Amino acid sequence: MIFLLLFVYNSTMAKIDELKEEIGAIKTYLGFIVAFIITIGAGVSKLFLDNSSELLLMLGVFGILVFAIIFAFLARVMHNKIKSLKDIK
């Protein structure tokens, strides 16, 4: 009987630990994406101020939009995983 209880306890803890690790990894990815957005934003603003290549300017703006969409998607995934931690019993 004790072995059964320990097995259930350990399997639940393993799921919680796995979800915590996934959430931590997503936080890291979100940090990288924020760094990319800031870096590309600085480059785009420099191109705009110098009246440089419009192609590079448009590619930079497009890159910022793509990274912003990826950020929103990953943030949503992270919040869903946090909500699923409540459901584990």
PDB file of N, CA and C in Angstrom:
ATOM      1  N   MET A   1       0.822  -1.195   0.000  1.00  0.00           N
ATOM      2  CA  MET A   1       0.000   0.000   0.000  1.00  0.00           C
ATOM      3  C   MET A   1       0.869   1.263   0.000  1.00  0.00           C
ATOM      4  N   ILE A   2       1.911   1.254   0.809  1.00  0.00           N
ATOM      5  CA  ILE A   2       2.805   2.411   0.885  1.00  0.00           C
ATOM      6  C   ILE A   2       3.502   2.627  -0.455  1.00  0.00           C
ATOM      7  N   PHE A   3       3.858   1.517  -1.123  1.00  0.00           N
ATOM      8  CA  PHE A   3       4.531   1.639  -2.413  1.00  0.00           C
ATOM      9  C   PHE A   3       3.620   2.306  -3.444  1.00  0.00           C
ATOM     10  N   LEU A   4       2.342   1.977  -3.400  1.00  0.00           N
ATOM     11  CA  LEU A   4       1.383   2.587  -4.317  1.00  0.00           C
ATOM     12  C   LEU A   4       1.282   4.096  -4.055  1.00  0.00           C
ATOM     13  N   LEU A   5       1.208   4.477  -2.798  1.00  0.00           N
ATOM     14  CA  LEU A   5       1.133   5.896  -2.452  1.00  0.00           C
ATOM     15  C   LEU A   5       2.401   6.632  -2.877  1.00  0.00           C
ATOM     16  N   LEU A   6       3.550   6.016  -2.668  1.00  0.00           N
ATOM     17  CA  LEU A   6       4.804   6.634  -3.076  1.00  0.00           C
ATOM     18  C   LEU A   6       4.886   6.773  -4.591  1.00  0.00           C
ATOM     19  N   PHE A   7       4.382   5.767  -5.309  1.00  0.00           N
ATOM     20  CA  PHE A   7       4.394   5.823  -6.770  1.00  0.00           C
ATOM     21  C   PHE A   7       3.522   6.972  -7.273  1.00  0.00           C
ATOM     22  N   VAL A   8       2.328   7.107  -6.709  1.00  0.00           N
ATOM     23  CA  VAL A   8       1.426   8.184  -7.122  1.00  0.00           C
ATOM     24  C   VAL A   8       2.039   9.536  -6.782  1.00  0.00           C
ATOM     25  N   TYR A   9       2.632   9.643  -5.593  1.00  0.00           N
ATOM     26  CA  TYR A   9       3.270  10.890  -5.174  1.00  0.00           C
ATOM     27  C   TYR A   9       4.429  11.242  -6.102  1.00  0.00           C
ATOM     28  N   ASN A  10       5.268  10.268  -6.406  1.00  0.00           N
ATOM     29  CA  ASN A  10       6.429  10.526  -7.255  1.00  0.00           C
ATOM     30  C   ASN A  10       6.029  10.868  -8.684  1.00  0.00           C
ATOM     31  N   SER A  11       4.997  10.216  -9.209  1.00  0.00           N
ATOM     32  CA  SER A  11       4.587  10.526 -10.577  1.00  0.00           C
ATOM     33  C   SER A  11       3.989  11.924 -10.657  1.00  0.00           C
ATOM     34  N   THR A  12       3.280  12.341  -9.601  1.00  0.00           N
ATOM     35  CA  THR A  12       2.727  13.692  -9.587  1.00  0.00           C
ATOM     36  C   THR A  12       3.848  14.712  -9.466  1.00  0.00           C
ATOM     37  N   MET A  13       4.807  14.447  -8.618  1.00  0.00           N
ATOM     38  CA  MET A  13       5.933  15.366  -8.465  1.00  0.00           C
ATOM     39  C   MET A  13       6.744  15.451  -9.764  1.00  0.00           C
ATOM     40  N   ALA A  14       6.857  14.327 -10.454  1.00  0.00           N
ATOM     41  CA  ALA A  14       7.599  14.344 -11.715  1.00  0.00           C
ATOM     42  C   ALA A  14       6.895  15.233 -12.741  1.00  0.00           C
ATOM     43  N   LYS A  15       5.570  15.181 -12.778  1.00  0.00           N
ATOM     44  CA  LYS A  15       4.832  16.026 -13.712  1.00  0.00           C
ATOM     45  C   LYS A  15       4.999  17.501 -13.361  1.00  0.00           C
ATOM     46  N   ILE A  16       4.933  17.805 -12.064  1.00  0.00           N
ATOM     47  CA  ILE A  16       5.093  19.187 -11.627  1.00  0.00           C
ATOM     48  C   ILE A  16       6.491  19.685 -11.972  1.00  0.00           C
ATOM     49  N   ASP A  17       7.496  18.871 -11.690  1.00  0.00           N
ATOM     50  CA  ASP A  17       8.870  19.273 -11.995  1.00  0.00           C
ATOM     51  C   ASP A  17       9.078  19.457 -13.491  1.00  0.00           C
ATOM     52  N   GLU A  18       8.474  18.590 -14.277  1.00  0.00           N
ATOM     53  CA  GLU A  18       8.600  18.703 -15.733  1.00  0.00           C
ATOM     54  C   GLU A  18       7.977  20.012 -16.229  1.00  0.00           C
ATOM     55  N   LEU A  19       6.786  20.337 -15.705  1.00  0.00           N
ATOM     56  CA  LEU A  19       6.130  21.581 -16.111  1.00  0.00           C
ATOM     57  C   LEU A  19       6.936  22.800 -15.664  1.00  0.00           C
ATOM     58  N   LYS A  20       7.518  22.727 -14.464  1.00  0.00           N
ATOM     59  CA  LYS A  20       8.345  23.844 -13.992  1.00  0.00           C
ATOM     60  C   LYS A  20       9.566  24.043 -14.892  1.00  0.00           C
ATOM     61  N   GLU A  21      10.159  22.956 -15.323  1.00  0.00           N
ATOM     62  CA  GLU A  21      11.310  23.056 -16.230  1.00  0.00           C
ATOM     63  C   GLU A  21      10.904  23.658 -17.570  1.00  0.00           C
ATOM     64  N   GLU A  22       9.754  23.249 -18.090  1.00  0.00           N
ATOM     65  CA  GLU A  22       9.273  23.809 -19.355  1.00  0.00           C
ATOM     66  C   GLU A  22       9.000  25.299 -19.221  1.00  0.00           C
ATOM     67  N   ILE A  23       8.403  25.706 -18.104  1.00  0.00           N
ATOM     68  CA  ILE A  23       8.122  27.120 -17.873  1.00  0.00           C
ATOM     69  C   ILE A  23       9.427  27.909 -17.785  1.00  0.00           C
ATOM     70  N   GLY A  24      10.413  27.347 -17.101  1.00  0.00           N
ATOM     71  CA  GLY A  24      11.713  28.007 -17.009  1.00  0.00           C
ATOM     72  C   GLY A  24      12.372  28.164 -18.369  1.00  0.00           C
ATOM     73  N   ALA A  25      12.263  27.135 -19.203  1.00  0.00           N
ATOM     74  CA  ALA A  25      12.841  27.220 -20.552  1.00  0.00           C
ATOM     75  C   ALA A  25      12.121  28.281 -21.381  1.00  0.00           C
ATOM     76  N   ILE A  26      10.817  28.345 -21.263  1.00  0.00           N
ATOM     77  CA  ILE A  26      10.054  29.350 -22.014  1.00  0.00           C
ATOM     78  C   ILE A  26      10.433  30.750 -21.556  1.00  0.00           C
ATOM     79  N   LYS A  27      10.667  30.928 -20.247  1.00  0.00           N
ATOM     80  CA  LYS A  27      11.116  32.236 -19.750  1.00  0.00           C
ATOM     81  C   LYS A  27      12.446  32.634 -20.398  1.00  0.00           C
ATOM     82  N   THR A  28      13.337  31.673 -20.541  1.00  0.00           N
ATOM     83  CA  THR A  28      14.623  31.945 -21.179  1.00  0.00           C
ATOM     84  C   THR A  28      14.424  32.357 -22.630  1.00  0.00           C
ATOM     85  N   TYR A  29      13.564  31.634 -23.346  1.00  0.00           N
ATOM     86  CA  TYR A  29      13.291  31.973 -24.743  1.00  0.00           C
ATOM     87  C   TYR A  29      12.681  33.368 -24.855  1.00  0.00           C
ATOM     88  N   LEU A  30      11.785  33.719 -23.920  1.00  0.00           N
ATOM     89  CA  LEU A  30      11.181  35.049 -23.939  1.00  0.00           C
ATOM     90  C   LEU A  30      12.244  36.128 -23.743  1.00  0.00           C
ATOM     91  N   GLY A  31      13.208  35.847 -22.890  1.00  0.00           N
ATOM     92  CA  GLY A  31      14.302  36.798 -22.687  1.00  0.00           C
ATOM     93  C   GLY A  31      15.117  37.010 -23.946  1.00  0.00           C
ATOM     94  N   PHE A  32      15.406  35.920 -24.655  1.00  0.00           N
ATOM     95  CA  PHE A  32      16.137  36.035 -25.921  1.00  0.00           C
ATOM     96  C   PHE A  32      15.343  36.847 -26.942  1.00  0.00           C
ATOM     97  N   ILE A  33      14.056  36.607 -27.002  1.00  0.00           N
ATOM     98  CA  ILE A  33      13.229  37.310 -27.980  1.00  0.00           C
ATOM     99  C   ILE A  33      13.181  38.807 -27.662  1.00  0.00           C
ATOM    100  N   VAL A  34      13.086  39.149 -26.384  1.00  0.00           N
ATOM    101  CA  VAL A  34      13.108  40.571 -26.009  1.00  0.00           C
ATOM    102  C   VAL A  34      14.433  41.197 -26.424  1.00  0.00           C
ATOM    103  N   ALA A  35      15.528  40.482 -26.212  1.00  0.00           N
ATOM    104  CA  ALA A  35      16.840  40.999 -26.620  1.00  0.00           C
ATOM    105  C   ALA A  35      16.900  41.191 -28.133  1.00  0.00           C
ATOM    106  N   PHE A  36      16.340  40.249 -28.893  1.00  0.00           N
ATOM    107  CA  PHE A  36      16.319  40.381 -30.354  1.00  0.00           C
ATOM    108  C   PHE A  36      15.497  41.596 -30.776  1.00  0.00           C
ATOM    109  N   ILE A  37      14.343  41.790 -30.148  1.00  0.00           N
ATOM    110  CA  ILE A  37      13.481  42.922 -30.504  1.00  0.00           C
ATOM    111  C   ILE A  37      14.191  44.240 -30.209  1.00  0.00           C
ATOM    112  N   ILE A  38      14.855  44.325 -29.064  1.00  0.00           N
ATOM    113  CA  ILE A  38      15.571  45.556 -28.721  1.00  0.00           C
ATOM    114  C   ILE A  38      16.708  45.807 -29.704  1.00  0.00           C
ATOM    115  N   THR A  39      17.444  44.747 -30.032  1.00  0.00           N
ATOM    116  CA  THR A  39      18.571  44.898 -30.952  1.00  0.00           C
ATOM    117  C   THR A  39      18.105  45.310 -32.346  1.00  0.00           C
ATOM    118  N   ILE A  40      17.092  44.637 -32.850  1.00  0.00           N
ATOM    119  CA  ILE A  40      16.581  44.983 -34.178  1.00  0.00           C
ATOM    120  C   ILE A  40      15.973  46.385 -34.156  1.00  0.00           C
ATOM    121  N   GLY A  41      15.304  46.739 -33.072  1.00  0.00           N
ATOM    122  CA  GLY A  41      14.728  48.081 -32.949  1.00  0.00           C
ATOM    123  C   GLY A  41      15.791  49.161 -32.991  1.00  0.00           C
ATOM    124  N   ALA A  42      16.922  48.911 -32.334  1.00  0.00           N
ATOM    125  CA  ALA A  42      18.019  49.880 -32.374  1.00  0.00           C
ATOM    126  C   ALA A  42      18.567  50.010 -33.797  1.00  0.00           C
ATOM    127  N   GLY A  43      18.692  48.887 -34.487  1.00  0.00           N
ATOM    128  CA  GLY A  43      19.172  48.928 -35.869  1.00  0.00           C
ATOM    129  C   GLY A  43      18.209  49.639 -36.792  1.00  0.00           C
ATOM    130  N   VAL A  44      16.926  49.380 -36.616  1.00  0.00           N
ATOM    131  CA  VAL A  44      15.911  50.028 -37.449  1.00  0.00           C
ATOM    132  C   VAL A  44      15.900  51.532 -37.199  1.00  0.00           C
ATOM    133  N   SER A  45      15.994  51.923 -35.931  1.00  0.00           N
ATOM    134  CA  SER A  45      15.988  53.364 -35.651  1.00  0.00           C
ATOM    135  C   SER A  45      17.234  54.043 -36.229  1.00  0.00           C
ATOM    136  N   LYS A  46      18.370  53.366 -36.191  1.00  0.00           N
ATOM    137  CA  LYS A  46      19.597  53.916 -36.785  1.00  0.00           C
ATOM    138  C   LYS A  46      19.438  54.061 -38.306  1.00  0.00           C
ATOM    139  N   LEU A  47      18.858  53.054 -38.945  1.00  0.00           N
ATOM    140  CA  LEU A  47      18.619  53.131 -40.388  1.00  0.00           C
ATOM    141  C   LEU A  47      17.662  54.271 -40.718  1.00  0.00           C
ATOM    142  N   PHE A  48      16.643  54.446 -39.891  1.00  0.00           N
ATOM    143  CA  PHE A  48      15.671  55.503 -40.136  1.00  0.00           C
ATOM    144  C   PHE A  48      16.314  56.879 -40.006  1.00  0.00           C
ATOM    145  N   LEU A  49      17.124  57.057 -38.968  1.00  0.00           N
ATOM    146  CA  LEU A  49      17.759  58.360 -38.754  1.00  0.00           C
ATOM    147  C   LEU A  49      18.790  58.693 -39.833  1.00  0.00           C
ATOM    148  N   ASP A  50      19.440  57.672 -40.371  1.00  0.00           N
ATOM    149  CA  ASP A  50      20.446  57.891 -41.411  1.00  0.00           C
ATOM    150  C   ASP A  50      19.843  57.939 -42.811  1.00  0.00           C
ATOM    151  N   ASN A  51      18.534  57.746 -42.936  1.00  0.00           N
ATOM    152  CA  ASN A  51      17.871  57.659 -44.237  1.00  0.00           C
ATOM    153  C   ASN A  51      18.578  56.657 -45.141  1.00  0.00           C
ATOM    154  N   SER A  52      18.893  55.497 -44.568  1.00  0.00           N
ATOM    155  CA  SER A  52      19.608  54.459 -45.304  1.00  0.00           C
ATOM    156  C   SER A  52      18.634  53.612 -46.108  1.00  0.00           C
ATOM    157  N   SER A  53      19.083  52.461 -46.457  1.00  0.00           N
ATOM    158  CA  SER A  53      18.349  51.543 -47.323  1.00  0.00           C
ATOM    159  C   SER A  53      16.938  51.276 -46.805  1.00  0.00           C
ATOM    160  N   GLU A  54      15.968  51.546 -47.660  1.00  0.00           N
ATOM    161  CA  GLU A  54      14.577  51.294 -47.278  1.00  0.00           C
ATOM    162  C   GLU A  54      14.290  49.811 -47.180  1.00  0.00           C
ATOM    163  N   LEU A  55      14.988  49.008 -47.968  1.00  0.00           N
ATOM    164  CA  LEU A  55      14.786  47.559 -47.913  1.00  0.00           C
ATOM    165  C   LEU A  55      15.172  47.017 -46.544  1.00  0.00           C
ATOM    166  N   LEU A  56      16.337  47.421 -46.052  1.00  0.00           N
ATOM    167  CA  LEU A  56      16.764  46.970 -44.733  1.00  0.00           C
ATOM    168  C   LEU A  56      15.834  47.484 -43.639  1.00  0.00           C
ATOM    169  N   LEU A  57      15.361  48.700 -43.799  1.00  0.00           N
ATOM    170  CA  LEU A  57      14.420  49.271 -42.839  1.00  0.00           C
ATOM    171  C   LEU A  57      13.142  48.443 -42.781  1.00  0.00           C
ATOM    172  N   MET A  58      12.594  48.105 -43.930  1.00  0.00           N
ATOM    173  CA  MET A  58      11.368  47.305 -43.976  1.00  0.00           C
ATOM    174  C   MET A  58      11.602  45.884 -43.449  1.00  0.00           C
ATOM    175  N   LEU A  59      12.753  45.312 -43.770  1.00  0.00           N
ATOM    176  CA  LEU A  59      13.070  43.984 -43.239  1.00  0.00           C
ATOM    177  C   LEU A  59      13.188  44.021 -41.715  1.00  0.00           C
ATOM    178  N   GLY A  60      13.757  45.092 -41.192  1.00  0.00           N
ATOM    179  CA  GLY A  60      13.867  45.235 -39.740  1.00  0.00           C
ATOM    180  C   GLY A  60      12.514  45.361 -39.073  1.00  0.00           C
ATOM    181  N   VAL A  61      11.642  46.162 -39.652  1.00  0.00           N
ATOM    182  CA  VAL A  61      10.293  46.314 -39.102  1.00  0.00           C
ATOM    183  C   VAL A  61       9.552  44.980 -39.171  1.00  0.00           C
ATOM    184  N   PHE A  62       9.703  44.276 -40.281  1.00  0.00           N
ATOM    185  CA  PHE A  62       9.077  42.959 -40.413  1.00  0.00           C
ATOM    186  C   PHE A  62       9.628  41.995 -39.367  1.00  0.00           C
ATOM    187  N   GLY A  63      10.939  42.037 -39.122  1.00  0.00           N
ATOM    188  CA  GLY A  63      11.553  41.176 -38.109  1.00  0.00           C
ATOM    189  C   GLY A  63      11.015  41.462 -36.720  1.00  0.00           C
ATOM    190  N   ILE A  64      10.836  42.749 -36.414  1.00  0.00           N
ATOM    191  CA  ILE A  64      10.273  43.114 -35.109  1.00  0.00           C
ATOM    192  C   ILE A  64       8.862  42.551 -34.964  1.00  0.00           C
ATOM    193  N   LEU A  65       8.066  42.670 -36.020  1.00  0.00           N
ATOM    194  CA  LEU A  65       6.696  42.140 -35.968  1.00  0.00           C
ATOM    195  C   LEU A  65       6.689  40.625 -35.785  1.00  0.00           C
ATOM    196  N   VAL A  66       7.570  39.933 -36.484  1.00  0.00           N
ATOM    197  CA  VAL A  66       7.636  38.475 -36.364  1.00  0.00           C
ATOM    198  C   VAL A  66       8.022  38.080 -34.939  1.00  0.00           C
ATOM    199  N   PHE A  67       9.045  38.735 -34.390  1.00  0.00           N
ATOM    200  CA  PHE A  67       9.462  38.413 -33.021  1.00  0.00           C
ATOM    201  C   PHE A  67       8.398  38.787 -32.002  1.00  0.00           C
ATOM    202  N   ALA A  68       7.642  39.847 -32.249  1.00  0.00           N
ATOM    203  CA  ALA A  68       6.559  40.213 -31.344  1.00  0.00           C
ATOM    204  C   ALA A  68       5.464  39.153 -31.348  1.00  0.00           C
ATOM    205  N   ILE A  69       5.162  38.602 -32.516  1.00  0.00           N
ATOM    206  CA  ILE A  69       4.161  37.535 -32.610  1.00  0.00           C
ATOM    207  C   ILE A  69       4.657  36.279 -31.901  1.00  0.00           C
ATOM    208  N   ILE A  70       5.921  35.944 -32.093  1.00  0.00           N
ATOM    209  CA  ILE A  70       6.495  34.782 -31.411  1.00  0.00           C
ATOM    210  C   ILE A  70       6.464  34.995 -29.906  1.00  0.00           C
ATOM    211  N   PHE A  71       6.779  36.211 -29.454  1.00  0.00           N
ATOM    212  CA  PHE A  71       6.742  36.522 -28.024  1.00  0.00           C
ATOM    213  C   PHE A  71       5.341  36.311 -27.467  1.00  0.00           C
ATOM    214  N   ALA A  72       4.324  36.828 -28.173  1.00  0.00           N
ATOM    215  CA  ALA A  72       2.943  36.684 -27.708  1.00  0.00           C
ATOM    216  C   ALA A  72       2.549  35.212 -27.640  1.00  0.00           C
ATOM    217  N   PHE A  73       2.945  34.432 -28.630  1.00  0.00           N
ATOM    218  CA  PHE A  73       2.624  33.006 -28.642  1.00  0.00           C
ATOM    219  C   PHE A  73       3.276  32.286 -27.466  1.00  0.00           C
ATOM    220  N   LEU A  74       4.568  32.544 -27.237  1.00  0.00           N
ATOM    221  CA  LEU A  74       5.268  31.880 -26.137  1.00  0.00           C
ATOM    222  C   LEU A  74       4.725  32.315 -24.779  1.00  0.00           C
ATOM    223  N   ALA A  75       4.351  33.585 -24.653  1.00  0.00           N
ATOM    224  CA  ALA A  75       3.764  34.052 -23.396  1.00  0.00           C
ATOM    225  C   ALA A  75       2.444  33.340 -23.121  1.00  0.00           C
ATOM    226  N   ARG A  76       1.669  33.132 -24.164  1.00  0.00           N
ATOM    227  CA  ARG A  76       0.393  32.424 -23.997  1.00  0.00           C
ATOM    228  C   ARG A  76       0.625  30.964 -23.603  1.00  0.00           C
ATOM    229  N   VAL A  77       1.590  30.327 -24.234  1.00  0.00           N
ATOM    230  CA  VAL A  77       1.916  28.943 -23.890  1.00  0.00           C
ATOM    231  C   VAL A  77       2.367  28.853 -22.435  1.00  0.00           C
ATOM    232  N   MET A  78       3.189  29.811 -22.002  1.00  0.00           N
ATOM    233  CA  MET A  78       3.677  29.797 -20.635  1.00  0.00           C
ATOM    234  C   MET A  78       2.523  29.967 -19.647  1.00  0.00           C
ATOM    235  N   HIS A  79       1.613  30.873 -19.921  1.00  0.00           N
ATOM    236  CA  HIS A  79       0.482  31.075 -19.018  1.00  0.00           C
ATOM    237  C   HIS A  79      -0.420  29.849 -18.968  1.00  0.00           C
ATOM    238  N   ASN A  80      -0.593  29.177 -20.098  1.00  0.00           N
ATOM    239  CA  ASN A  80      -1.390  27.946 -20.101  1.00  0.00           C
ATOM    240  C   ASN A  80      -0.726  26.861 -19.264  1.00  0.00           C
ATOM    241  N   LYS A  81       0.594  26.771 -19.330  1.00  0.00           N
ATOM    242  CA  LYS A  81       1.308  25.779 -18.531  1.00  0.00           C
ATOM    243  C   LYS A  81       1.229  26.115 -17.045  1.00  0.00           C
ATOM    244  N   ILE A  82       1.281  27.393 -16.710  1.00  0.00           N
ATOM    245  CA  ILE A  82       1.141  27.794 -15.310  1.00  0.00           C
ATOM    246  C   ILE A  82      -0.248  27.449 -14.803  1.00  0.00           C
ATOM    247  N   LYS A  83      -1.265  27.686 -15.625  1.00  0.00           N
ATOM    248  CA  LYS A  83      -2.623  27.326 -15.223  1.00  0.00           C
ATOM    249  C   LYS A  83      -2.781  25.814 -15.058  1.00  0.00           C
ATOM    250  N   SER A  84      -2.077  25.047 -15.881  1.00  0.00           N
ATOM    251  CA  SER A  84      -2.201  23.589 -15.783  1.00  0.00           C
ATOM    252  C   SER A  84      -1.530  23.036 -14.529  1.00  0.00           C
ATOM    253  N   LEU A  85      -0.660  23.824 -13.891  1.00  0.00           N
ATOM    254  CA  LEU A  85      -0.056  23.372 -12.630  1.00  0.00           C
ATOM    255  C   LEU A  85      -1.110  23.222 -11.537  1.00  0.00           C
ATOM    256  N   LYS A  86      -2.169  24.044 -11.599  1.00  0.00           N
ATOM    257  CA  LYS A  86      -3.230  23.950 -10.587  1.00  0.00           C
ATOM    258  C   LYS A  86      -4.007  22.647 -10.718  1.00  0.00           C
ATOM    259  N   ASP A  87      -4.085  22.123 -11.930  1.00  0.00           N
ATOM    260  CA  ASP A  87      -4.909  20.937 -12.178  1.00  0.00           C
ATOM    261  C   ASP A  87      -4.234  19.629 -11.789  1.00  0.00           C
ATOM    262  N   ILE A  88      -2.931  19.665 -11.547  1.00  0.00           N
ATOM    263  CA  ILE A  88      -2.225  18.437 -11.200  1.00  0.00           C
ATOM    264  C   ILE A  88      -2.485  18.119  -9.734  1.00  0.00           C
ATOM    265  N   LYS A  89      -2.939  16.909  -9.507  1.00  0.00           N
ATOM    266  CA  LYS A  89      -3.223  16.468  -8.127  1.00  0.00           C
ATOM    267  C   LYS A  89      -2.491  15.210  -7.813  1.00  0.00           C
TER     268      LYS A  89
END
